[in-house]
Amino acid sequence: MKPVIFRYGLFAGLAILVLSGFHFFILMPNISWETAEVAGYLSMILSMIFVFMGIRYYRDHINNGLLSFTEGLKLGALIVLIPTVLFAVFDLLYTKVLNPSWGDEYFEYYVTKIKTSTPSDQVDEKLQALQKNKEMFSHPLIQFSLMAVTVFVIGMIVTIISTLALRRNKKTVAG
């Protein structure tokens, strides 16, 4: 099981790094923040195709065509850990070292959005909440955790769907 975890975890990790690199370095300077956010989630989702492929490979080539829900869930979760950590580290590297102004630019975008789309009597309250969030999310451990949890949750959704689609027990194979 370990070789499958490492192989497909690394494939997923490389995919998320390449797609995110394209997203951060090529797309973001030229698109809106909303589109950039969608592209970021799309990068995460697309990289998780390797979770499906890893579970399928394990079922077909290592486990004699059988896959229980528990096996698929365990395998998928372990595969997902690799791109989770790689992306969280990449995100920190990008926002803290390669583009340290990113957080301020994102904050200013939301300040403008709040000022233009919020009733005037609620603007100050929303801006104060935004400032608290900025302070909290600027801490590297919080930022790492948030990015890791985001990728892990998306990966686990893909894992559950993949496991349900690929699951086979002895009765299914024999019948």
N, C-alpha and C. Protein backbone atom coordinates (compact mmCIF):
# COMPACT_ATOMS: atom_id res chain seq x y z
N MET A 1 0.83 -1.20 0.00
CA MET A 1 0.00 0.00 0.00
C MET A 1 0.87 1.26 0.00
N LYS A 2 2.02 1.20 0.71
CA LYS A 2 2.88 2.39 0.81
C LYS A 2 3.36 2.91 -0.54
N PRO A 3 3.80 2.03 -1.46
CA PRO A 3 4.23 2.56 -2.76
C PRO A 3 3.12 3.28 -3.51
N VAL A 4 1.90 2.78 -3.39
CA VAL A 4 0.76 3.43 -4.04
C VAL A 4 0.51 4.80 -3.41
N ILE A 5 0.57 4.86 -2.11
CA ILE A 5 0.36 6.13 -1.40
C ILE A 5 1.40 7.15 -1.84
N PHE A 6 2.66 6.76 -1.83
CA PHE A 6 3.71 7.71 -2.19
C PHE A 6 3.65 8.10 -3.66
N ARG A 7 3.46 7.12 -4.54
CA ARG A 7 3.43 7.42 -5.97
C ARG A 7 2.28 8.37 -6.31
N TYR A 8 1.08 8.01 -5.91
CA TYR A 8 -0.08 8.82 -6.29
C TYR A 8 -0.18 10.09 -5.45
N GLY A 9 0.34 10.04 -4.23
CA GLY A 9 0.41 11.25 -3.42
C GLY A 9 1.36 12.25 -4.03
N LEU A 10 2.51 11.77 -4.51
CA LEU A 10 3.47 12.68 -5.17
C LEU A 10 2.92 13.20 -6.49
N PHE A 11 2.23 12.34 -7.24
CA PHE A 11 1.61 12.81 -8.49
C PHE A 11 0.61 13.93 -8.18
N ALA A 12 -0.22 13.71 -7.17
CA ALA A 12 -1.21 14.73 -6.79
C ALA A 12 -0.50 15.98 -6.28
N GLY A 13 0.56 15.79 -5.51
CA GLY A 13 1.33 16.93 -5.01
C GLY A 13 1.97 17.73 -6.12
N LEU A 14 2.57 17.04 -7.08
CA LEU A 14 3.17 17.74 -8.22
C LEU A 14 2.09 18.46 -9.03
N ALA A 15 0.95 17.80 -9.21
CA ALA A 15 -0.14 18.43 -9.97
C ALA A 15 -0.62 19.70 -9.28
N ILE A 16 -0.81 19.64 -7.96
CA ILE A 16 -1.31 20.83 -7.26
C ILE A 16 -0.26 21.94 -7.27
N LEU A 17 1.02 21.58 -7.22
CA LEU A 17 2.08 22.60 -7.27
C LEU A 17 2.16 23.24 -8.65
N VAL A 18 2.09 22.44 -9.70
CA VAL A 18 2.15 22.98 -11.06
C VAL A 18 0.91 23.84 -11.34
N LEU A 19 -0.26 23.32 -11.02
CA LEU A 19 -1.49 24.09 -11.26
C LEU A 19 -1.53 25.36 -10.42
N SER A 20 -1.10 25.28 -9.18
CA SER A 20 -1.09 26.45 -8.32
C SER A 20 -0.02 27.45 -8.76
N GLY A 21 1.11 26.95 -9.20
CA GLY A 21 2.14 27.84 -9.73
C GLY A 21 1.63 28.60 -10.93
N PHE A 22 0.95 27.89 -11.83
CA PHE A 22 0.33 28.55 -12.99
C PHE A 22 -0.69 29.59 -12.52
N HIS A 23 -1.48 29.20 -11.55
CA HIS A 23 -2.51 30.08 -11.00
C HIS A 23 -1.90 31.33 -10.37
N PHE A 24 -0.91 31.15 -9.50
CA PHE A 24 -0.31 32.28 -8.78
C PHE A 24 0.54 33.17 -9.67
N PHE A 25 1.33 32.57 -10.55
CA PHE A 25 2.31 33.35 -11.30
C PHE A 25 1.81 33.84 -12.67
N ILE A 26 0.91 33.10 -13.30
CA ILE A 26 0.45 33.47 -14.63
C ILE A 26 -0.94 34.10 -14.60
N LEU A 27 -1.88 33.44 -13.96
CA LEU A 27 -3.27 33.91 -13.98
C LEU A 27 -3.53 35.11 -13.08
N MET A 28 -3.10 35.02 -11.83
CA MET A 28 -3.50 36.04 -10.84
C MET A 28 -3.18 37.48 -11.23
N PRO A 29 -2.06 37.74 -11.84
CA PRO A 29 -1.82 39.15 -12.20
C PRO A 29 -2.79 39.68 -13.25
N ASN A 30 -3.50 38.77 -13.94
CA ASN A 30 -4.31 39.18 -15.08
C ASN A 30 -5.81 38.94 -14.91
N ILE A 31 -6.25 38.45 -13.77
CA ILE A 31 -7.67 38.13 -13.59
C ILE A 31 -8.19 38.74 -12.29
N SER A 32 -9.51 38.73 -12.16
CA SER A 32 -10.13 39.28 -10.94
C SER A 32 -9.89 38.33 -9.76
N TRP A 33 -10.09 38.87 -8.56
CA TRP A 33 -9.92 38.05 -7.36
C TRP A 33 -10.93 36.90 -7.33
N GLU A 34 -12.15 37.16 -7.80
CA GLU A 34 -13.17 36.10 -7.81
C GLU A 34 -12.75 34.96 -8.73
N THR A 35 -12.27 35.31 -9.92
CA THR A 35 -11.82 34.29 -10.86
C THR A 35 -10.60 33.56 -10.31
N ALA A 36 -9.71 34.27 -9.65
CA ALA A 36 -8.53 33.66 -9.06
C ALA A 36 -8.93 32.64 -7.98
N GLU A 37 -9.95 32.97 -7.22
CA GLU A 37 -10.42 32.05 -6.18
C GLU A 37 -10.98 30.77 -6.81
N VAL A 38 -11.78 30.93 -7.85
CA VAL A 38 -12.32 29.76 -8.56
C VAL A 38 -11.17 28.93 -9.14
N ALA A 39 -10.19 29.59 -9.75
CA ALA A 39 -9.04 28.87 -10.32
C ALA A 39 -8.27 28.13 -9.24
N GLY A 40 -8.17 28.69 -8.06
CA GLY A 40 -7.48 28.03 -6.96
C GLY A 40 -8.19 26.75 -6.54
N TYR A 41 -9.50 26.83 -6.38
CA TYR A 41 -10.26 25.63 -6.02
C TYR A 41 -10.22 24.60 -7.14
N LEU A 42 -10.27 25.06 -8.37
CA LEU A 42 -10.19 24.15 -9.51
C LEU A 42 -8.85 23.43 -9.54
N SER A 43 -7.78 24.13 -9.20
CA SER A 43 -6.45 23.50 -9.12
C SER A 43 -6.46 22.38 -8.08
N MET A 44 -7.08 22.63 -6.95
CA MET A 44 -7.14 21.62 -5.89
C MET A 44 -7.95 20.40 -6.35
N ILE A 45 -9.08 20.67 -6.96
CA ILE A 45 -9.96 19.57 -7.39
C ILE A 45 -9.29 18.74 -8.49
N LEU A 46 -8.71 19.41 -9.49
CA LEU A 46 -8.07 18.68 -10.59
C LEU A 46 -6.91 17.81 -10.11
N SER A 47 -6.15 18.30 -9.15
CA SER A 47 -5.02 17.51 -8.66
C SER A 47 -5.48 16.25 -7.94
N MET A 48 -6.71 16.24 -7.48
CA MET A 48 -7.21 15.09 -6.73
C MET A 48 -7.63 13.93 -7.64
N ILE A 49 -7.52 14.09 -8.95
CA ILE A 49 -7.78 12.97 -9.85
C ILE A 49 -6.83 11.81 -9.54
N PHE A 50 -5.66 12.14 -8.97
CA PHE A 50 -4.70 11.10 -8.64
C PHE A 50 -5.14 10.27 -7.44
N VAL A 51 -6.04 10.79 -6.64
CA VAL A 51 -6.61 9.99 -5.55
C VAL A 51 -7.44 8.86 -6.15
N PHE A 52 -8.30 9.22 -7.10
CA PHE A 52 -9.10 8.20 -7.79
C PHE A 52 -8.19 7.18 -8.46
N MET A 53 -7.19 7.66 -9.17
CA MET A 53 -6.28 6.76 -9.90
C MET A 53 -5.51 5.84 -8.94
N GLY A 54 -5.10 6.37 -7.80
CA GLY A 54 -4.39 5.55 -6.82
C GLY A 54 -5.27 4.47 -6.21
N ILE A 55 -6.49 4.83 -5.89
CA ILE A 55 -7.43 3.85 -5.33
C ILE A 55 -7.73 2.77 -6.36
N ARG A 56 -7.94 3.19 -7.60
CA ARG A 56 -8.22 2.22 -8.67
C ARG A 56 -7.02 1.30 -8.90
N TYR A 57 -5.83 1.86 -8.92
CA TYR A 57 -4.63 1.05 -9.12
C TYR A 57 -4.49 0.02 -7.99
N TYR A 58 -4.69 0.46 -6.78
CA TYR A 58 -4.61 -0.45 -5.63
C TYR A 58 -5.62 -1.59 -5.77
N ARG A 59 -6.85 -1.24 -6.10
CA ARG A 59 -7.89 -2.26 -6.25
C ARG A 59 -7.53 -3.25 -7.36
N ASP A 60 -7.14 -2.76 -8.52
CA ASP A 60 -6.95 -3.61 -9.69
C ASP A 60 -5.63 -4.37 -9.70
N HIS A 61 -4.56 -3.78 -9.18
CA HIS A 61 -3.24 -4.39 -9.33
C HIS A 61 -2.65 -4.96 -8.04
N ILE A 62 -3.15 -4.57 -6.91
CA ILE A 62 -2.56 -5.03 -5.66
C ILE A 62 -3.55 -5.86 -4.84
N ASN A 63 -4.80 -5.50 -4.89
CA ASN A 63 -5.78 -6.14 -4.01
C ASN A 63 -6.73 -7.08 -4.76
N ASN A 64 -6.27 -7.65 -5.87
CA ASN A 64 -7.03 -8.67 -6.63
C ASN A 64 -8.43 -8.22 -7.04
N GLY A 65 -8.58 -6.96 -7.38
CA GLY A 65 -9.86 -6.46 -7.86
C GLY A 65 -10.86 -6.16 -6.77
N LEU A 66 -10.43 -6.24 -5.52
CA LEU A 66 -11.34 -6.00 -4.40
C LEU A 66 -11.01 -4.68 -3.72
N LEU A 67 -12.04 -4.03 -3.21
CA LEU A 67 -11.83 -2.79 -2.46
C LEU A 67 -13.01 -2.58 -1.53
N SER A 68 -12.73 -2.60 -0.24
CA SER A 68 -13.77 -2.27 0.73
C SER A 68 -13.81 -0.76 0.91
N PHE A 69 -14.90 -0.29 1.46
CA PHE A 69 -15.02 1.15 1.69
C PHE A 69 -13.92 1.62 2.64
N THR A 70 -13.66 0.85 3.68
CA THR A 70 -12.62 1.22 4.66
C THR A 70 -11.25 1.28 4.02
N GLU A 71 -10.92 0.30 3.17
CA GLU A 71 -9.62 0.31 2.49
C GLU A 71 -9.48 1.55 1.60
N GLY A 72 -10.51 1.83 0.83
CA GLY A 72 -10.47 2.99 -0.07
C GLY A 72 -10.36 4.30 0.69
N LEU A 73 -11.09 4.40 1.79
CA LEU A 73 -11.05 5.62 2.60
C LEU A 73 -9.67 5.81 3.22
N LYS A 74 -9.10 4.75 3.74
CA LYS A 74 -7.76 4.83 4.34
C LYS A 74 -6.72 5.20 3.29
N LEU A 75 -6.74 4.51 2.17
CA LEU A 75 -5.78 4.76 1.10
C LEU A 75 -5.90 6.18 0.57
N GLY A 76 -7.13 6.61 0.29
CA GLY A 76 -7.35 7.96 -0.22
C GLY A 76 -6.90 9.03 0.76
N ALA A 77 -7.20 8.84 2.04
CA ALA A 77 -6.80 9.82 3.07
C ALA A 77 -5.29 9.94 3.13
N LEU A 78 -4.59 8.82 3.04
CA LEU A 78 -3.13 8.86 3.09
C LEU A 78 -2.53 9.48 1.83
N ILE A 79 -3.13 9.22 0.68
CA ILE A 79 -2.68 9.87 -0.55
C ILE A 79 -2.86 11.37 -0.45
N VAL A 80 -4.01 11.80 0.06
CA VAL A 80 -4.35 13.22 0.16
C VAL A 80 -3.41 13.99 1.09
N LEU A 81 -2.84 13.33 2.07
CA LEU A 81 -1.94 14.02 3.00
C LEU A 81 -0.75 14.66 2.28
N ILE A 82 -0.25 14.02 1.24
CA ILE A 82 0.95 14.54 0.56
C ILE A 82 0.66 15.86 -0.15
N PRO A 83 -0.35 15.95 -1.03
CA PRO A 83 -0.62 17.26 -1.64
C PRO A 83 -1.10 18.30 -0.63
N THR A 84 -1.71 17.85 0.44
CA THR A 84 -2.16 18.77 1.48
C THR A 84 -0.97 19.53 2.07
N VAL A 85 0.04 18.80 2.47
CA VAL A 85 1.22 19.43 3.07
C VAL A 85 1.99 20.24 2.03
N LEU A 86 2.17 19.68 0.84
CA LEU A 86 2.92 20.40 -0.20
C LEU A 86 2.25 21.72 -0.56
N PHE A 87 0.92 21.72 -0.69
CA PHE A 87 0.24 22.96 -1.05
C PHE A 87 0.31 23.98 0.09
N ALA A 88 0.13 23.53 1.31
CA ALA A 88 0.18 24.46 2.44
C ALA A 88 1.55 25.11 2.56
N VAL A 89 2.61 24.34 2.33
CA VAL A 89 3.96 24.89 2.35
C VAL A 89 4.15 25.86 1.18
N PHE A 90 3.69 25.47 -0.02
CA PHE A 90 3.80 26.33 -1.19
C PHE A 90 3.06 27.65 -0.97
N ASP A 91 1.87 27.58 -0.40
CA ASP A 91 1.09 28.79 -0.15
C ASP A 91 1.83 29.73 0.80
N LEU A 92 2.39 29.18 1.85
CA LEU A 92 3.18 30.00 2.79
C LEU A 92 4.40 30.61 2.09
N LEU A 93 5.09 29.81 1.32
CA LEU A 93 6.25 30.30 0.60
C LEU A 93 5.86 31.44 -0.35
N TYR A 94 4.76 31.26 -1.04
CA TYR A 94 4.32 32.29 -1.99
C TYR A 94 3.92 33.58 -1.25
N THR A 95 3.08 33.45 -0.24
CA THR A 95 2.53 34.65 0.42
C THR A 95 3.48 35.32 1.40
N LYS A 96 4.47 34.59 1.89
CA LYS A 96 5.39 35.17 2.87
C LYS A 96 6.75 35.55 2.28
N VAL A 97 7.16 34.85 1.20
CA VAL A 97 8.49 35.08 0.65
C VAL A 97 8.43 35.64 -0.78
N LEU A 98 7.75 34.93 -1.67
CA LEU A 98 7.75 35.31 -3.08
C LEU A 98 6.89 36.53 -3.38
N ASN A 99 5.76 36.66 -2.69
CA ASN A 99 4.87 37.80 -2.92
C ASN A 99 4.29 38.26 -1.58
N PRO A 100 5.13 38.86 -0.73
CA PRO A 100 4.67 39.24 0.61
C PRO A 100 3.58 40.32 0.61
N SER A 101 3.36 40.99 -0.49
CA SER A 101 2.30 42.00 -0.56
C SER A 101 0.93 41.39 -0.88
N TRP A 102 0.89 40.08 -1.15
CA TRP A 102 -0.35 39.42 -1.52
C TRP A 102 -1.44 39.63 -0.47
N GLY A 103 -1.13 39.43 0.79
CA GLY A 103 -2.12 39.57 1.86
C GLY A 103 -2.71 40.97 1.93
N ASP A 104 -1.87 41.98 1.78
CA ASP A 104 -2.35 43.37 1.80
C ASP A 104 -3.22 43.67 0.59
N GLU A 105 -2.83 43.15 -0.57
CA GLU A 105 -3.63 43.36 -1.79
C GLU A 105 -5.00 42.70 -1.66
N TYR A 106 -5.02 41.49 -1.12
CA TYR A 106 -6.29 40.77 -0.92
C TYR A 106 -7.16 41.50 0.09
N PHE A 107 -6.54 41.98 1.15
CA PHE A 107 -7.26 42.74 2.18
C PHE A 107 -7.88 44.00 1.56
N GLU A 108 -7.12 44.74 0.77
CA GLU A 108 -7.62 45.97 0.14
C GLU A 108 -8.77 45.67 -0.82
N TYR A 109 -8.68 44.54 -1.51
CA TYR A 109 -9.79 44.14 -2.38
C TYR A 109 -11.07 43.98 -1.56
N TYR A 110 -10.96 43.30 -0.42
CA TYR A 110 -12.15 43.10 0.42
C TYR A 110 -12.64 44.39 1.06
N VAL A 111 -11.74 45.29 1.42
CA VAL A 111 -12.15 46.59 1.96
C VAL A 111 -13.00 47.32 0.93
N THR A 112 -12.52 47.35 -0.31
CA THR A 112 -13.27 48.00 -1.39
C THR A 112 -14.61 47.32 -1.61
N LYS A 113 -14.60 46.00 -1.59
CA LYS A 113 -15.84 45.25 -1.80
C LYS A 113 -16.85 45.55 -0.69
N ILE A 114 -16.39 45.61 0.55
CA ILE A 114 -17.28 45.91 1.67
C ILE A 114 -17.85 47.32 1.53
N LYS A 115 -16.98 48.27 1.20
CA LYS A 115 -17.43 49.66 1.09
C LYS A 115 -18.43 49.87 -0.04
N THR A 116 -18.33 49.08 -1.10
CA THR A 116 -19.24 49.26 -2.23
C THR A 116 -20.49 48.41 -2.16
N SER A 117 -20.47 47.34 -1.37
CA SER A 117 -21.62 46.43 -1.39
C SER A 117 -22.35 46.31 -0.05
N THR A 118 -21.90 47.02 0.96
CA THR A 118 -22.50 46.90 2.29
C THR A 118 -23.25 48.19 2.62
N PRO A 119 -24.43 48.05 3.24
CA PRO A 119 -25.13 49.27 3.68
C PRO A 119 -24.22 50.10 4.59
N SER A 120 -24.29 51.41 4.46
CA SER A 120 -23.35 52.32 5.15
C SER A 120 -23.36 52.15 6.67
N ASP A 121 -24.49 51.78 7.26
CA ASP A 121 -24.53 51.62 8.71
C ASP A 121 -23.83 50.35 9.19
N GLN A 122 -23.45 49.45 8.27
CA GLN A 122 -22.79 48.21 8.64
C GLN A 122 -21.31 48.16 8.21
N VAL A 123 -20.85 49.18 7.50
CA VAL A 123 -19.49 49.17 6.95
C VAL A 123 -18.44 49.07 8.05
N ASP A 124 -18.54 49.91 9.08
CA ASP A 124 -17.52 49.91 10.14
C ASP A 124 -17.43 48.56 10.84
N GLU A 125 -18.58 47.98 11.12
CA GLU A 125 -18.61 46.68 11.79
C GLU A 125 -17.95 45.61 10.92
N LYS A 126 -18.26 45.60 9.64
CA LYS A 126 -17.66 44.61 8.72
C LYS A 126 -16.16 44.83 8.56
N LEU A 127 -15.74 46.10 8.51
CA LEU A 127 -14.31 46.39 8.37
C LEU A 127 -13.54 45.98 9.62
N GLN A 128 -14.14 46.15 10.79
CA GLN A 128 -13.48 45.71 12.03
C GLN A 128 -13.32 44.19 12.05
N ALA A 129 -14.37 43.49 11.62
CA ALA A 129 -14.30 42.02 11.55
C ALA A 129 -13.24 41.58 10.54
N LEU A 130 -13.18 42.28 9.42
CA LEU A 130 -12.18 41.97 8.41
C LEU A 130 -10.76 42.18 8.95
N GLN A 131 -10.57 43.26 9.70
CA GLN A 131 -9.25 43.54 10.29
C GLN A 131 -8.84 42.44 11.27
N LYS A 132 -9.78 41.96 12.08
CA LYS A 132 -9.50 40.86 13.02
C LYS A 132 -9.10 39.60 12.25
N ASN A 133 -9.83 39.32 11.17
CA ASN A 133 -9.51 38.14 10.36
C ASN A 133 -8.13 38.28 9.73
N LYS A 134 -7.80 39.49 9.26
CA LYS A 134 -6.49 39.71 8.64
C LYS A 134 -5.38 39.41 9.64
N GLU A 135 -5.54 39.90 10.86
CA GLU A 135 -4.53 39.67 11.89
C GLU A 135 -4.39 38.18 12.20
N MET A 136 -5.52 37.51 12.31
CA MET A 136 -5.50 36.08 12.63
C MET A 136 -4.88 35.28 11.49
N PHE A 137 -5.32 35.52 10.25
CA PHE A 137 -4.85 34.73 9.12
C PHE A 137 -3.45 35.09 8.66
N SER A 138 -2.90 36.18 9.17
CA SER A 138 -1.53 36.52 8.79
C SER A 138 -0.51 35.69 9.57
N HIS A 139 -0.94 35.03 10.60
CA HIS A 139 -0.04 34.15 11.36
C HIS A 139 0.26 32.91 10.52
N PRO A 140 1.52 32.57 10.32
CA PRO A 140 1.87 31.44 9.43
C PRO A 140 1.23 30.11 9.82
N LEU A 141 1.13 29.81 11.10
CA LEU A 141 0.55 28.54 11.51
C LEU A 141 -0.95 28.47 11.17
N ILE A 142 -1.65 29.57 11.36
CA ILE A 142 -3.08 29.62 11.01
C ILE A 142 -3.24 29.51 9.50
N GLN A 143 -2.42 30.23 8.75
CA GLN A 143 -2.50 30.20 7.30
C GLN A 143 -2.19 28.79 6.78
N PHE A 144 -1.13 28.18 7.30
CA PHE A 144 -0.79 26.81 6.91
C PHE A 144 -1.96 25.87 7.20
N SER A 145 -2.52 25.98 8.40
CA SER A 145 -3.62 25.10 8.80
C SER A 145 -4.84 25.28 7.92
N LEU A 146 -5.18 26.52 7.61
CA LEU A 146 -6.35 26.80 6.77
C LEU A 146 -6.18 26.21 5.38
N MET A 147 -5.01 26.40 4.79
CA MET A 147 -4.76 25.85 3.45
C MET A 147 -4.74 24.33 3.48
N ALA A 148 -4.13 23.76 4.51
CA ALA A 148 -4.07 22.31 4.63
C ALA A 148 -5.47 21.72 4.80
N VAL A 149 -6.26 22.31 5.65
CA VAL A 149 -7.63 21.81 5.87
C VAL A 149 -8.45 21.92 4.59
N THR A 150 -8.29 23.01 3.86
CA THR A 150 -9.04 23.19 2.61
C THR A 150 -8.72 22.07 1.62
N VAL A 151 -7.44 21.83 1.39
CA VAL A 151 -7.05 20.77 0.45
C VAL A 151 -7.47 19.41 0.98
N PHE A 152 -7.30 19.18 2.27
CA PHE A 152 -7.65 17.87 2.83
C PHE A 152 -9.15 17.60 2.70
N VAL A 153 -9.97 18.58 2.97
CA VAL A 153 -11.43 18.38 2.87
C VAL A 153 -11.82 18.08 1.42
N ILE A 154 -11.28 18.84 0.48
CA ILE A 154 -11.57 18.57 -0.94
C ILE A 154 -11.09 17.16 -1.29
N GLY A 155 -9.90 16.81 -0.84
CA GLY A 155 -9.37 15.47 -1.11
C GLY A 155 -10.21 14.37 -0.50
N MET A 156 -10.74 14.60 0.68
CA MET A 156 -11.58 13.58 1.32
C MET A 156 -12.93 13.43 0.61
N ILE A 157 -13.45 14.52 0.10
CA ILE A 157 -14.69 14.42 -0.69
C ILE A 157 -14.42 13.57 -1.94
N VAL A 158 -13.30 13.83 -2.61
CA VAL A 158 -12.92 13.03 -3.78
C VAL A 158 -12.67 11.58 -3.37
N THR A 159 -12.05 11.37 -2.22
CA THR A 159 -11.79 10.01 -1.72
C THR A 159 -13.09 9.25 -1.50
N ILE A 160 -14.06 9.87 -0.86
CA ILE A 160 -15.34 9.20 -0.59
C ILE A 160 -16.05 8.86 -1.90
N ILE A 161 -16.12 9.82 -2.81
CA ILE A 161 -16.77 9.57 -4.10
C ILE A 161 -16.04 8.47 -4.86
N SER A 162 -14.71 8.53 -4.89
CA SER A 162 -13.91 7.53 -5.59
C SER A 162 -14.09 6.15 -4.99
N THR A 163 -14.06 6.08 -3.67
CA THR A 163 -14.21 4.79 -2.99
C THR A 163 -15.59 4.19 -3.26
N LEU A 164 -16.61 5.02 -3.23
CA LEU A 164 -17.95 4.51 -3.53
C LEU A 164 -18.04 4.01 -4.97
N ALA A 165 -17.41 4.71 -5.89
CA ALA A 165 -17.45 4.31 -7.30
C ALA A 165 -16.61 3.06 -7.58
N LEU A 166 -15.53 2.89 -6.84
CA LEU A 166 -14.59 1.79 -7.13
C LEU A 166 -14.74 0.58 -6.21
N ARG A 167 -15.56 0.68 -5.22
CA ARG A 167 -15.68 -0.38 -4.22
C ARG A 167 -16.19 -1.68 -4.86
N ARG A 168 -15.53 -2.77 -4.49
CA ARG A 168 -15.93 -4.10 -4.93
C ARG A 168 -15.64 -5.08 -3.80
N ASN A 169 -16.62 -5.88 -3.47
CA ASN A 169 -16.37 -6.94 -2.51
C ASN A 169 -16.39 -8.28 -3.23
N LYS A 170 -16.19 -9.37 -2.52
CA LYS A 170 -16.10 -10.69 -3.15
C LYS A 170 -17.37 -11.05 -3.92
N LYS A 171 -18.54 -10.71 -3.37
CA LYS A 171 -19.80 -11.04 -4.05
C LYS A 171 -19.89 -10.33 -5.40
N THR A 172 -19.48 -9.06 -5.46
CA THR A 172 -19.54 -8.30 -6.69
C THR A 172 -18.62 -8.89 -7.75
N VAL A 173 -17.42 -9.29 -7.35
CA VAL A 173 -16.44 -9.84 -8.28
C VAL A 173 -16.89 -11.20 -8.78
N ALA A 174 -17.38 -12.06 -7.87
CA ALA A 174 -17.79 -13.40 -8.25
C ALA A 174 -19.10 -13.41 -9.05
N GLY A 175 -19.99 -12.49 -8.75
CA GLY A 175 -21.32 -12.50 -9.36
C GLY A 175 -21.35 -11.68 -10.56
